[in-house]
């Protein structure tokens, strides 16, 4: 039933976007050219010293490839690949795969990185990215470590696994991948590099908050169904898989404290203070069975500036019913920038 609700909501949103297409296409302008191969320069932020050490990157260049997938009057969708700054033992995981949703026109447009949910149902994030592009917000959707083409048939490795060490490594790699994605956006001539942001839902929401802590140039952060106190939330989760994990972890001579310590560096609430000068939007569910209210408030409190917090009358899955209206909210959020 939960998957049915999800796919109905996404399908409704797609129809809604198609209805808007004629309006968005009234602005007849050529698309900025995207080279099939481009060398991208990553330059550390001016305040790179404030970035948590595990998320810092030095000046470097990397090669990105692009290929046109489809085009309409309102937007183009372009596949984008570039190497991850982290080399793992799983070769497939060392390339980042994404899709760039490019608005029609010369710009300059805001640029946003879009992150996906835990289950890896990419159509949801692609719909969000398409919605933003139709509102003249360029959006780069990327697949996080061990998802999609980055998942090997020969390896059981996952970004979120029963091993907290692997979770911390995967989340750290994801932040560094997002930083390169931000550099790719900033290099585009149609994008205003001073108007960059990041958004995501569920795991994508958690990673949006964490990635913004790792990339000071993301000035707007929209966190959907995300929160903090990651370790505590996972440890205390009432689920048979969680029960099995806790049993295995304790049998290895580990403890709840060691589990929390491993995940603290990748907990968004650990670094929430770094978002105090950003424009943050949090949208959460009142009866969320995955991200409880305490987790939401832990992140909200850690930021320290009382960012906008919207409560949907729904659970984690049933919140999908709000998707069409929330995409309007997201469009307004990423098109309203202070001078």
C-alpha atoms as a PDB file:
ATOM      1  CA  UNK A   1       0.000   0.000   0.000  1.00  0.00           C
ATOM      2  CA  UNK A   2       2.827   2.438   0.848  1.00  0.00           C
ATOM      3  CA  UNK A   3       4.451   1.904  -2.569  1.00  0.00           C
ATOM      4  CA  UNK A   4       1.053   2.438  -4.239  1.00  0.00           C
ATOM      5  CA  UNK A   5       0.644   5.768  -2.423  1.00  0.00           C
ATOM      6  CA  UNK A   6       4.169   6.743  -3.472  1.00  0.00           C
ATOM      7  CA  UNK A   7       3.727   5.961  -7.172  1.00  0.00           C
ATOM      8  CA  UNK A   8       0.251   7.536  -7.343  1.00  0.00           C
ATOM      9  CA  UNK A   9       1.678  10.719  -5.815  1.00  0.00           C
ATOM     10  CA  UNK A  10       4.597  10.795  -8.243  1.00  0.00           C
ATOM     11  CA  UNK A  11       2.299  10.117 -11.219  1.00  0.00           C
ATOM     12  CA  UNK A  12      -0.012  12.931 -10.109  1.00  0.00           C
ATOM     13  CA  UNK A  13       2.948  15.271  -9.834  1.00  0.00           C
ATOM     14  CA  UNK A  14       4.148  14.352 -13.334  1.00  0.00           C
ATOM     15  CA  UNK A  15       0.708  15.111 -14.806  1.00  0.00           C
ATOM     16  CA  UNK A  16       0.662  18.392 -12.880  1.00  0.00           C
ATOM     17  CA  UNK A  17       4.071  19.322 -14.290  1.00  0.00           C
ATOM     18  CA  UNK A  18       2.973  18.517 -17.829  1.00  0.00           C
ATOM     19  CA  UNK A  19       0.037  20.886 -17.378  1.00  0.00           C
ATOM     20  CA  UNK A  20       2.499  23.625 -16.474  1.00  0.00           C
ATOM     21  CA  UNK A  21       4.778  22.928 -19.428  1.00  0.00           C
ATOM     22  CA  UNK A  22       2.981  25.243 -21.872  1.00  0.00           C
ATOM     23  CA  UNK A  23       3.208  28.139 -19.430  1.00  0.00           C
ATOM     24  CA  UNK A  24       6.894  27.554 -18.784  1.00  0.00           C
ATOM     25  CA  UNK A  25       7.637  27.223 -22.498  1.00  0.00           C
ATOM     26  CA  UNK A  26       6.379  30.714 -23.336  1.00  0.00           C
ATOM     27  CA  UNK A  27       9.896  32.040 -22.724  1.00  0.00           C
ATOM     28  CA  UNK A  28      11.431  31.016 -26.027  1.00  0.00           C
ATOM     29  CA  UNK A  29      15.194  31.135 -25.561  1.00  0.00           C
ATOM     30  CA  UNK A  30      17.984  28.835 -26.695  1.00  0.00           C
ATOM     31  CA  UNK A  31      19.638  26.491 -24.238  1.00  0.00           C
ATOM     32  CA  UNK A  32      23.187  27.128 -23.123  1.00  0.00           C
ATOM     33  CA  UNK A  33      25.518  24.599 -24.667  1.00  0.00           C
ATOM     34  CA  UNK A  34      26.767  21.717 -22.522  1.00  0.00           C
ATOM     35  CA  UNK A  35      30.046  20.199 -23.726  1.00  0.00           C
ATOM     36  CA  UNK A  36      30.260  16.428 -23.992  1.00  0.00           C
ATOM     37  CA  UNK A  37      33.539  16.565 -22.077  1.00  0.00           C
ATOM     38  CA  UNK A  38      34.549  19.390 -19.758  1.00  0.00           C
ATOM     39  CA  UNK A  39      37.317  19.975 -17.255  1.00  0.00           C
ATOM     40  CA  UNK A  40      35.880  21.330 -14.016  1.00  0.00           C
ATOM     41  CA  UNK A  41      37.921  23.220 -11.462  1.00  0.00           C
ATOM     42  CA  UNK A  42      37.127  22.740  -7.794  1.00  0.00           C
ATOM     43  CA  UNK A  43      38.250  25.642  -5.627  1.00  0.00           C
ATOM     44  CA  UNK A  44      37.919  25.396  -1.835  1.00  0.00           C
ATOM     45  CA  UNK A  45      35.449  27.782  -0.222  1.00  0.00           C
ATOM     46  CA  UNK A  46      36.828  31.042   1.127  1.00  0.00           C
ATOM     47  CA  UNK A  47      35.954  29.787   4.599  1.00  0.00           C
ATOM     48  CA  UNK A  48      37.071  26.204   3.983  1.00  0.00           C
ATOM     49  CA  UNK A  49      38.591  26.107   7.459  1.00  0.00           C
ATOM     50  CA  UNK A  50      35.061  26.034   8.893  1.00  0.00           C
ATOM     51  CA  UNK A  51      34.211  22.865   6.970  1.00  0.00           C
ATOM     52  CA  UNK A  52      34.429  19.656   9.053  1.00  0.00           C
ATOM     53  CA  UNK A  53      37.802  18.098   8.286  1.00  0.00           C
ATOM     54  CA  UNK A  54      36.407  14.913   6.725  1.00  0.00           C
ATOM     55  CA  UNK A  55      34.492  16.987   4.161  1.00  0.00           C
ATOM     56  CA  UNK A  56      37.339  19.278   3.053  1.00  0.00           C
ATOM     57  CA  UNK A  57      38.741  19.198  -0.462  1.00  0.00           C
ATOM     58  CA  UNK A  58      41.870  20.833  -1.856  1.00  0.00           C
ATOM     59  CA  UNK A  59      42.039  22.683  -5.167  1.00  0.00           C
ATOM     60  CA  UNK A  60      41.867  20.242  -8.052  1.00  0.00           C
ATOM     61  CA  UNK A  61      40.415  19.609 -11.481  1.00  0.00           C
ATOM     62  CA  UNK A  62      38.244  16.743 -12.672  1.00  0.00           C
ATOM     63  CA  UNK A  63      36.708  15.702 -15.964  1.00  0.00           C
ATOM     64  CA  UNK A  64      32.960  15.521 -16.432  1.00  0.00           C
ATOM     65  CA  UNK A  65      31.051  13.982 -19.322  1.00  0.00           C
ATOM     66  CA  UNK A  66      27.587  14.931 -20.539  1.00  0.00           C
ATOM     67  CA  UNK A  67      25.090  13.509 -23.019  1.00  0.00           C
ATOM     68  CA  UNK A  68      21.694  14.826 -24.080  1.00  0.00           C
ATOM     69  CA  UNK A  69      18.853  12.511 -23.040  1.00  0.00           C
ATOM     70  CA  UNK A  70      15.751  14.470 -24.053  1.00  0.00           C
ATOM     71  CA  UNK A  71      14.585  17.975 -24.816  1.00  0.00           C
ATOM     72  CA  UNK A  72      11.328  19.917 -24.653  1.00  0.00           C
ATOM     73  CA  UNK A  73      10.497  23.588 -25.060  1.00  0.00           C
ATOM     74  CA  UNK A  74      10.827  24.164 -21.321  1.00  0.00           C
ATOM     75  CA  UNK A  75      13.885  22.124 -20.393  1.00  0.00           C
ATOM     76  CA  UNK A  76      16.564  19.675 -21.415  1.00  0.00           C
ATOM     77  CA  UNK A  77      17.635  16.584 -19.495  1.00  0.00           C
ATOM     78  CA  UNK A  78      21.315  15.735 -19.781  1.00  0.00           C
ATOM     79  CA  UNK A  79      23.145  12.775 -18.274  1.00  0.00           C
ATOM     80  CA  UNK A  80      26.238  13.814 -16.343  1.00  0.00           C
ATOM     81  CA  UNK A  81      29.065  11.650 -15.024  1.00  0.00           C
ATOM     82  CA  UNK A  82      32.233  12.519 -13.161  1.00  0.00           C
ATOM     83  CA  UNK A  83      34.678  10.649 -10.914  1.00  0.00           C
ATOM     84  CA  UNK A  84      34.054  10.583  -7.191  1.00  0.00           C
ATOM     85  CA  UNK A  85      36.846  12.244  -5.190  1.00  0.00           C
ATOM     86  CA  UNK A  86      36.857   9.037  -3.126  1.00  0.00           C
ATOM     87  CA  UNK A  87      38.254   5.832  -4.627  1.00  0.00           C
ATOM     88  CA  UNK A  88      36.702   2.702  -3.123  1.00  0.00           C
ATOM     89  CA  UNK A  89      37.371  -1.006  -3.677  1.00  0.00           C
ATOM     90  CA  UNK A  90      34.114  -1.191  -5.661  1.00  0.00           C
ATOM     91  CA  UNK A  91      35.029   0.200  -9.125  1.00  0.00           C
ATOM     92  CA  UNK A  92      31.418   0.890 -10.090  1.00  0.00           C
ATOM     93  CA  UNK A  93      31.028   3.156  -7.073  1.00  0.00           C
ATOM     94  CA  UNK A  94      33.870   5.430  -8.111  1.00  0.00           C
ATOM     95  CA  UNK A  95      31.844   7.229 -10.785  1.00  0.00           C
ATOM     96  CA  UNK A  96      29.034   9.631  -9.907  1.00  0.00           C
ATOM     97  CA  UNK A  97      25.971   9.451 -12.163  1.00  0.00           C
ATOM     98  CA  UNK A  98      23.525  12.299 -12.461  1.00  0.00           C
ATOM     99  CA  UNK A  99      20.982  14.070 -14.605  1.00  0.00           C
ATOM    100  CA  UNK A 100      21.028  17.785 -15.260  1.00  0.00           C
ATOM    101  CA  UNK A 101      17.629  19.431 -15.704  1.00  0.00           C
ATOM    102  CA  UNK A 102      18.463  22.573 -17.654  1.00  0.00           C
ATOM    103  CA  UNK A 103      15.912  25.381 -17.998  1.00  0.00           C
ATOM    104  CA  UNK A 104      15.397  27.060 -21.353  1.00  0.00           C
ATOM    105  CA  UNK A 105      17.028  30.464 -21.548  1.00  0.00           C
ATOM    106  CA  UNK A 106      20.365  32.109 -20.964  1.00  0.00           C
ATOM    107  CA  UNK A 107      19.956  32.617 -17.224  1.00  0.00           C
ATOM    108  CA  UNK A 108      21.531  33.300 -14.876  1.00  0.00           C
ATOM    109  CA  UNK A 109      19.557  30.715 -12.900  1.00  0.00           C
ATOM    110  CA  UNK A 110      19.935  29.427  -9.365  1.00  0.00           C
ATOM    111  CA  UNK A 111      21.493  25.951  -9.262  1.00  0.00           C
ATOM    112  CA  UNK A 112      20.379  23.148  -6.948  1.00  0.00           C
ATOM    113  CA  UNK A 113      21.701  19.648  -6.241  1.00  0.00           C
ATOM    114  CA  UNK A 114      18.855  17.143  -5.722  1.00  0.00           C
ATOM    115  CA  UNK A 115      19.338  13.987  -3.620  1.00  0.00           C
ATOM    116  CA  UNK A 116      17.246  10.817  -3.555  1.00  0.00           C
ATOM    117  CA  UNK A 117      15.494   8.707  -0.929  1.00  0.00           C
ATOM    118  CA  UNK A 118      16.818   5.637   0.899  1.00  0.00           C
ATOM    119  CA  UNK A 119      14.992   3.136  -1.293  1.00  0.00           C
ATOM    120  CA  UNK A 120      16.575   4.564  -4.429  1.00  0.00           C
ATOM    121  CA  UNK A 121      13.290   5.297  -6.211  1.00  0.00           C
ATOM    122  CA  UNK A 122      14.849   7.867  -8.526  1.00  0.00           C
ATOM    123  CA  UNK A 123      11.635   9.056 -10.292  1.00  0.00           C
ATOM    124  CA  UNK A 124      10.687  11.040  -7.186  1.00  0.00           C
ATOM    125  CA  UNK A 125      13.915  13.060  -7.237  1.00  0.00           C
ATOM    126  CA  UNK A 126      13.796  13.386 -11.019  1.00  0.00           C
ATOM    127  CA  UNK A 127      10.282  14.808 -10.732  1.00  0.00           C
ATOM    128  CA  UNK A 128      11.477  17.314  -8.134  1.00  0.00           C
ATOM    129  CA  UNK A 129      14.405  18.326 -10.362  1.00  0.00           C
ATOM    130  CA  UNK A 130      12.114  18.696 -13.381  1.00  0.00           C
ATOM    131  CA  UNK A 131       9.724  20.834 -11.342  1.00  0.00           C
ATOM    132  CA  UNK A 132      12.556  23.150 -10.323  1.00  0.00           C
ATOM    133  CA  UNK A 133      13.820  23.466 -13.897  1.00  0.00           C
ATOM    134  CA  UNK A 134      10.347  24.479 -15.090  1.00  0.00           C
ATOM    135  CA  UNK A 135      10.497  27.261 -12.507  1.00  0.00           C
ATOM    136  CA  UNK A 136      13.850  28.425 -13.961  1.00  0.00           C
ATOM    137  CA  UNK A 137      15.968  26.734 -11.305  1.00  0.00           C
ATOM    138  CA  UNK A 138      18.686  24.535 -12.804  1.00  0.00           C
ATOM    139  CA  UNK A 139      18.797  21.190 -10.998  1.00  0.00           C
ATOM    140  CA  UNK A 140      21.424  18.450 -10.929  1.00  0.00           C
ATOM    141  CA  UNK A 141      20.103  15.149  -9.568  1.00  0.00           C
ATOM    142  CA  UNK A 142      22.877  12.759  -8.526  1.00  0.00           C
ATOM    143  CA  UNK A 143      22.946   9.164  -7.338  1.00  0.00           C
ATOM    144  CA  UNK A 144      24.685   8.683  -4.022  1.00  0.00           C
ATOM    145  CA  UNK A 145      27.285   5.965  -3.277  1.00  0.00           C
ATOM    146  CA  UNK A 146      26.292   2.375  -4.040  1.00  0.00           C
ATOM    147  CA  UNK A 147      23.028   3.368  -5.742  1.00  0.00           C
ATOM    148  CA  UNK A 148      21.981   2.715  -9.336  1.00  0.00           C
ATOM    149  CA  UNK A 149      24.950   2.188 -11.645  1.00  0.00           C
ATOM    150  CA  UNK A 150      27.234   2.603  -8.636  1.00  0.00           C
ATOM    151  CA  UNK A 151      26.047  -0.696  -7.135  1.00  0.00           C
ATOM    152  CA  UNK A 152      28.121  -3.773  -7.983  1.00  0.00           C
ATOM    153  CA  UNK A 153      26.652  -7.218  -8.574  1.00  0.00           C
ATOM    154  CA  UNK A 154      29.818  -8.633  -7.032  1.00  0.00           C
ATOM    155  CA  UNK A 155      29.700  -6.640  -3.799  1.00  0.00           C
ATOM    156  CA  UNK A 156      27.092  -6.474  -1.015  1.00  0.00           C
ATOM    157  CA  UNK A 157      28.323  -2.992  -0.071  1.00  0.00           C
ATOM    158  CA  UNK A 158      25.637  -0.375   0.489  1.00  0.00           C
ATOM    159  CA  UNK A 159      25.714   3.259   1.575  1.00  0.00           C
ATOM    160  CA  UNK A 160      23.391   2.528   4.496  1.00  0.00           C
ATOM    161  CA  UNK A 161      24.205  -0.892   5.949  1.00  0.00           C
ATOM    162  CA  UNK A 162      24.295  -2.735   9.265  1.00  0.00           C
ATOM    163  CA  UNK A 163      27.926  -1.703   9.742  1.00  0.00           C
ATOM    164  CA  UNK A 164      28.125   1.866  11.117  1.00  0.00           C
ATOM    165  CA  UNK A 165      31.675   2.153   9.776  1.00  0.00           C
ATOM    166  CA  UNK A 166      30.384   1.595   6.259  1.00  0.00           C
ATOM    167  CA  UNK A 167      27.548   4.049   6.872  1.00  0.00           C
ATOM    168  CA  UNK A 168      29.987   6.760   7.976  1.00  0.00           C
ATOM    169  CA  UNK A 169      32.244   6.099   4.981  1.00  0.00           C
ATOM    170  CA  UNK A 170      29.329   6.127   2.533  1.00  0.00           C
ATOM    171  CA  UNK A 171      27.831   9.326   3.915  1.00  0.00           C
ATOM    172  CA  UNK A 172      31.219  11.055   3.882  1.00  0.00           C
ATOM    173  CA  UNK A 173      31.768  10.052   0.263  1.00  0.00           C
ATOM    174  CA  UNK A 174      28.292  11.329  -0.594  1.00  0.00           C
ATOM    175  CA  UNK A 175      29.095  14.773   0.825  1.00  0.00           C
ATOM    176  CA  UNK A 176      32.317  14.948  -1.190  1.00  0.00           C
ATOM    177  CA  UNK A 177      30.442  13.847  -4.326  1.00  0.00           C
ATOM    178  CA  UNK A 178      27.880  16.587  -3.706  1.00  0.00           C
ATOM    179  CA  UNK A 179      30.665  19.145  -3.408  1.00  0.00           C
ATOM    180  CA  UNK A 180      31.894  18.180  -6.879  1.00  0.00           C
ATOM    181  CA  UNK A 181      28.317  18.344  -8.141  1.00  0.00           C
ATOM    182  CA  UNK A 182      28.146  21.886  -6.786  1.00  0.00           C
ATOM    183  CA  UNK A 183      31.381  22.737  -8.593  1.00  0.00           C
ATOM    184  CA  UNK A 184      29.915  21.362 -11.827  1.00  0.00           C
ATOM    185  CA  UNK A 185      26.865  23.588 -11.441  1.00  0.00           C
ATOM    186  CA  UNK A 186      28.984  26.627 -10.570  1.00  0.00           C
ATOM    187  CA  UNK A 187      30.995  26.138 -13.775  1.00  0.00           C
ATOM    188  CA  UNK A 188      27.900  26.388 -15.970  1.00  0.00           C
ATOM    189  CA  UNK A 189      27.544  29.776 -17.751  1.00  0.00           C
ATOM    190  CA  UNK A 190      23.755  29.820 -17.265  1.00  0.00           C
ATOM    191  CA  UNK A 191      24.039  29.413 -13.489  1.00  0.00           C
ATOM    192  CA  UNK A 192      24.630  32.112 -10.898  1.00  0.00           C
ATOM    193  CA  UNK A 193      27.322  30.549  -8.697  1.00  0.00           C
ATOM    194  CA  UNK A 194      26.268  32.811  -5.831  1.00  0.00           C
ATOM    195  CA  UNK A 195      22.807  31.195  -5.817  1.00  0.00           C
ATOM    196  CA  UNK A 196      23.477  27.530  -5.149  1.00  0.00           C
ATOM    197  CA  UNK A 197      21.439  25.176  -2.994  1.00  0.00           C
ATOM    198  CA  UNK A 198      20.715  21.563  -2.133  1.00  0.00           C
ATOM    199  CA  UNK A 199      17.561  19.587  -1.401  1.00  0.00           C
ATOM    200  CA  UNK A 200      16.395  16.040  -0.834  1.00  0.00           C
ATOM    201  CA  UNK A 201      13.743  13.870   0.773  1.00  0.00           C
ATOM    202  CA  UNK A 202      14.188  11.348   3.606  1.00  0.00           C
ATOM    203  CA  UNK A 203      17.795  10.087   3.290  1.00  0.00           C
ATOM    204  CA  UNK A 204      18.193  12.854   0.719  1.00  0.00           C
ATOM    205  CA  UNK A 205      16.960  15.360   3.296  1.00  0.00           C
ATOM    206  CA  UNK A 206      19.452  14.131   5.881  1.00  0.00           C
ATOM    207  CA  UNK A 207      22.235  14.271   3.300  1.00  0.00           C
ATOM    208  CA  UNK A 208      21.145  17.754   2.163  1.00  0.00           C
ATOM    209  CA  UNK A 209      21.687  19.057   5.689  1.00  0.00           C
ATOM    210  CA  UNK A 210      25.018  17.248   5.996  1.00  0.00           C
ATOM    211  CA  UNK A 211      26.190  18.325   2.523  1.00  0.00           C
ATOM    212  CA  UNK A 212      25.338  21.950   3.260  1.00  0.00           C
ATOM    213  CA  UNK A 213      27.507  21.715   6.380  1.00  0.00           C
ATOM    214  CA  UNK A 214      30.284  20.441   4.122  1.00  0.00           C
ATOM    215  CA  UNK A 215      29.786  23.035   1.369  1.00  0.00           C
ATOM    216  CA  UNK A 216      29.472  26.663   2.538  1.00  0.00           C
ATOM    217  CA  UNK A 217      28.468  27.811  -0.951  1.00  0.00           C
ATOM    218  CA  UNK A 218      25.077  26.124  -0.681  1.00  0.00           C
ATOM    219  CA  UNK A 219      23.163  29.181   0.488  1.00  0.00           C
ATOM    220  CA  UNK A 220      19.705  27.597   0.442  1.00  0.00           C
ATOM    221  CA  UNK A 221      18.945  24.216   2.000  1.00  0.00           C
ATOM    222  CA  UNK A 222      15.551  22.490   1.735  1.00  0.00           C
ATOM    223  CA  UNK A 223      15.364  19.469   4.042  1.00  0.00           C
ATOM    224  CA  UNK A 224      12.349  17.205   3.527  1.00  0.00           C
ATOM    225  CA  UNK A 225      11.552  14.471   6.075  1.00  0.00           C
ATOM    226  CA  UNK A 226      15.059  14.688   7.506  1.00  0.00           C
ATOM    227  CA  UNK A 227      16.462  15.087  10.980  1.00  0.00           C
ATOM    228  CA  UNK A 228      19.381  14.644  13.336  1.00  0.00           C
ATOM    229  CA  UNK A 229      20.480  12.259  16.077  1.00  0.00           C
ATOM    230  CA  UNK A 230      21.102   9.689  13.355  1.00  0.00           C
ATOM    231  CA  UNK A 231      22.838   7.153  15.589  1.00  0.00           C
ATOM    232  CA  UNK A 232      20.227   7.293  18.329  1.00  0.00           C
ATOM    233  CA  UNK A 233      17.413   7.005  15.815  1.00  0.00           C
ATOM    234  CA  UNK A 234      18.936   3.939  14.166  1.00  0.00           C
ATOM    235  CA  UNK A 235      19.833   2.271  17.457  1.00  0.00           C
ATOM    236  CA  UNK A 236      16.416   2.786  19.043  1.00  0.00           C
ATOM    237  CA  UNK A 237      14.409   1.857  15.942  1.00  0.00           C
ATOM    238  CA  UNK A 238      11.741  -0.765  16.646  1.00  0.00           C
ATOM    239  CA  UNK A 239      12.157  -3.156  13.735  1.00  0.00           C
ATOM    240  CA  UNK A 240      13.225  -6.788  13.404  1.00  0.00           C
ATOM    241  CA  UNK A 241      16.224  -5.807  11.253  1.00  0.00           C
ATOM    242  CA  UNK A 242      17.267  -3.295  13.901  1.00  0.00           C
ATOM    243  CA  UNK A 243      16.895  -5.977  16.566  1.00  0.00           C
ATOM    244  CA  UNK A 244      19.159  -8.317  14.587  1.00  0.00           C
ATOM    245  CA  UNK A 245      21.742  -5.592  14.041  1.00  0.00           C
ATOM    246  CA  UNK A 246      21.877  -4.614  17.706  1.00  0.00           C
ATOM    247  CA  UNK A 247      22.350  -8.237  18.683  1.00  0.00           C
ATOM    248  CA  UNK A 248      25.205  -8.694  16.189  1.00  0.00           C
ATOM    249  CA  UNK A 249      26.883  -5.442  17.246  1.00  0.00           C
ATOM    250  CA  UNK A 250      26.797  -6.322  20.932  1.00  0.00           C
ATOM    251  CA  UNK A 251      28.095  -9.849  20.270  1.00  0.00           C
ATOM    252  CA  UNK A 252      31.205  -8.273  18.707  1.00  0.00           C
ATOM    253  CA  UNK A 253      31.961  -6.643  22.038  1.00  0.00           C
ATOM    254  CA  UNK A 254      30.711  -3.260  20.889  1.00  0.00           C
ATOM    255  CA  UNK A 255      28.212  -1.030  22.665  1.00  0.00           C
ATOM    256  CA  UNK A 256      25.531   1.563  22.052  1.00  0.00           C
ATOM    257  CA  UNK A 257      28.111   4.237  22.898  1.00  0.00           C
ATOM    258  CA  UNK A 258      30.603   2.962  20.299  1.00  0.00           C
ATOM    259  CA  UNK A 259      27.811   2.891  17.705  1.00  0.00           C
ATOM    260  CA  UNK A 260      26.845   6.500  18.423  1.00  0.00           C
ATOM    261  CA  UNK A 261      30.487   7.625  18.384  1.00  0.00           C
ATOM    262  CA  UNK A 262      31.051   6.190  14.903  1.00  0.00           C
ATOM    263  CA  UNK A 263      28.045   8.026  13.467  1.00  0.00           C
ATOM    264  CA  UNK A 264      28.480  11.334  15.284  1.00  0.00           C
ATOM    265  CA  UNK A 265      30.786  12.828  12.580  1.00  0.00           C
ATOM    266  CA  UNK A 266      28.105  12.264   9.919  1.00  0.00           C
ATOM    267  CA  UNK A 267      25.130  13.328  12.029  1.00  0.00           C
ATOM    268  CA  UNK A 268      23.599  16.538  10.604  1.00  0.00           C
ATOM    269  CA  UNK A 269      22.849  17.733  14.146  1.00  0.00           C
ATOM    270  CA  UNK A 270      26.569  17.567  14.964  1.00  0.00           C
ATOM    271  CA  UNK A 271      27.197  20.256  12.350  1.00  0.00           C
ATOM    272  CA  UNK A 272      23.876  22.113  12.422  1.00  0.00           C
ATOM    273  CA  UNK A 273      25.523  25.303  13.690  1.00  0.00           C
ATOM    274  CA  UNK A 274      27.237  25.625  10.289  1.00  0.00           C
ATOM    275  CA  UNK A 275      23.831  26.320   8.726  1.00  0.00           C
ATOM    276  CA  UNK A 276      23.074  29.293  10.948  1.00  0.00           C
ATOM    277  CA  UNK A 277      23.831  31.785   8.167  1.00  0.00           C
ATOM    278  CA  UNK A 278      21.934  29.865   5.457  1.00  0.00           C
ATOM    279  CA  UNK A 279      18.334  30.034   4.326  1.00  0.00           C
ATOM    280  CA  UNK A 280      16.962  26.720   5.618  1.00  0.00           C
ATOM    281  CA  UNK A 281      13.547  25.165   5.004  1.00  0.00           C
ATOM    282  CA  UNK A 282      12.527  22.040   6.917  1.00  0.00           C
ATOM    283  CA  UNK A 283       9.378  20.099   6.013  1.00  0.00           C
ATOM    284  CA  UNK A 284       8.519  17.150   8.251  1.00  0.00           C
ATOM    285  CA  UNK A 285       5.633  14.785   9.007  1.00  0.00           C
ATOM    286  CA  UNK A 286       3.679  14.944  12.266  1.00  0.00           C
ATOM    287  CA  UNK A 287       3.394  11.163  12.617  1.00  0.00           C
ATOM    288  CA  UNK A 288       6.647  10.147  10.930  1.00  0.00           C
ATOM    289  CA  UNK A 289       7.459   6.554  11.829  1.00  0.00           C
ATOM    290  CA  UNK A 290      11.027   6.779  10.431  1.00  0.00           C
ATOM    291  CA  UNK A 291      12.181  10.264  11.441  1.00  0.00           C
ATOM    292  CA  UNK A 292      10.515  10.917  14.820  1.00  0.00           C
ATOM    293  CA  UNK A 293       9.740  14.397  16.064  1.00  0.00           C
ATOM    294  CA  UNK A 294      12.731  14.272  18.432  1.00  0.00           C
ATOM    295  CA  UNK A 295      15.075  13.736  15.466  1.00  0.00           C
ATOM    296  CA  UNK A 296      13.513  16.637  13.580  1.00  0.00           C
ATOM    297  CA  UNK A 297      13.818  18.947  16.559  1.00  0.00           C
ATOM    298  CA  UNK A 298      17.411  17.860  17.236  1.00  0.00           C
ATOM    299  CA  UNK A 299      18.431  19.150  13.807  1.00  0.00           C
ATOM    300  CA  UNK A 300      16.230  22.249  14.042  1.00  0.00           C
ATOM    301  CA  UNK A 301      17.645  23.146  17.472  1.00  0.00           C
ATOM    302  CA  UNK A 302      21.243  22.528  16.368  1.00  0.00           C
ATOM    303  CA  UNK A 303      20.978  25.196  13.662  1.00  0.00           C
ATOM    304  CA  UNK A 304      20.203  27.753  16.328  1.00  0.00           C
ATOM    305  CA  UNK A 305      18.326  30.309  14.233  1.00  0.00           C
ATOM    306  CA  UNK A 306      14.835  28.782  14.269  1.00  0.00           C
ATOM    307  CA  UNK A 307      14.592  28.121  10.518  1.00  0.00           C
ATOM    308  CA  UNK A 308      11.202  27.676   8.896  1.00  0.00           C
ATOM    309  CA  UNK A 309       9.682  24.345   9.938  1.00  0.00           C
ATOM    310  CA  UNK A 310       6.520  23.019   8.279  1.00  0.00           C
ATOM    311  CA  UNK A 311       4.621  20.047   9.714  1.00  0.00           C
ATOM    312  CA  UNK A 312       2.617  17.900   7.282  1.00  0.00           C
ATOM    313  CA  UNK A 313      -0.346  15.972   8.684  1.00  0.00           C
ATOM    314  CA  UNK A 314       1.070  12.641   7.540  1.00  0.00           C
ATOM    315  CA  UNK A 315       3.540   9.837   8.151  1.00  0.00           C
ATOM    316  CA  UNK A 316       6.853   9.245   6.397  1.00  0.00           C
ATOM    317  CA  UNK A 317       5.295   7.398   3.439  1.00  0.00           C
ATOM    318  CA  UNK A 318       1.882   9.063   3.302  1.00  0.00           C
ATOM    319  CA  UNK A 319       3.607  12.463   3.082  1.00  0.00           C
ATOM    320  CA  UNK A 320       3.934  11.647  -0.635  1.00  0.00           C
ATOM    321  CA  UNK A 321       0.304  12.746  -1.006  1.00  0.00           C
ATOM    322  CA  UNK A 322       1.496  16.314  -0.400  1.00  0.00           C
ATOM    323  CA  UNK A 323       4.056  16.171  -3.211  1.00  0.00           C
ATOM    324  CA  UNK A 324       2.356  18.450  -5.792  1.00  0.00           C
ATOM    325  CA  UNK A 325       1.818  21.245  -3.280  1.00  0.00           C
ATOM    326  CA  UNK A 326       5.270  20.823  -1.793  1.00  0.00           C
ATOM    327  CA  UNK A 327       6.867  21.202  -5.211  1.00  0.00           C
ATOM    328  CA  UNK A 328       5.199  24.601  -5.463  1.00  0.00           C
ATOM    329  CA  UNK A 329       6.667  25.471  -2.062  1.00  0.00           C
ATOM    330  CA  UNK A 330      10.070  24.256  -3.233  1.00  0.00           C
ATOM    331  CA  UNK A 331       9.876  26.316  -6.424  1.00  0.00           C
ATOM    332  CA  UNK A 332       9.062  29.449  -4.434  1.00  0.00           C
ATOM    333  CA  UNK A 333      11.858  28.730  -1.965  1.00  0.00           C
ATOM    334  CA  UNK A 334      14.565  28.359  -4.605  1.00  0.00           C
ATOM    335  CA  UNK A 335      13.387  31.335  -6.696  1.00  0.00           C
ATOM    336  CA  UNK A 336      13.263  33.819  -3.797  1.00  0.00           C
ATOM    337  CA  UNK A 337      16.755  35.115  -3.091  1.00  0.00           C
ATOM    338  CA  UNK A 338      17.707  38.075  -0.970  1.00  0.00           C
ATOM    339  CA  UNK A 339      19.812  40.727  -2.749  1.00  0.00           C
END
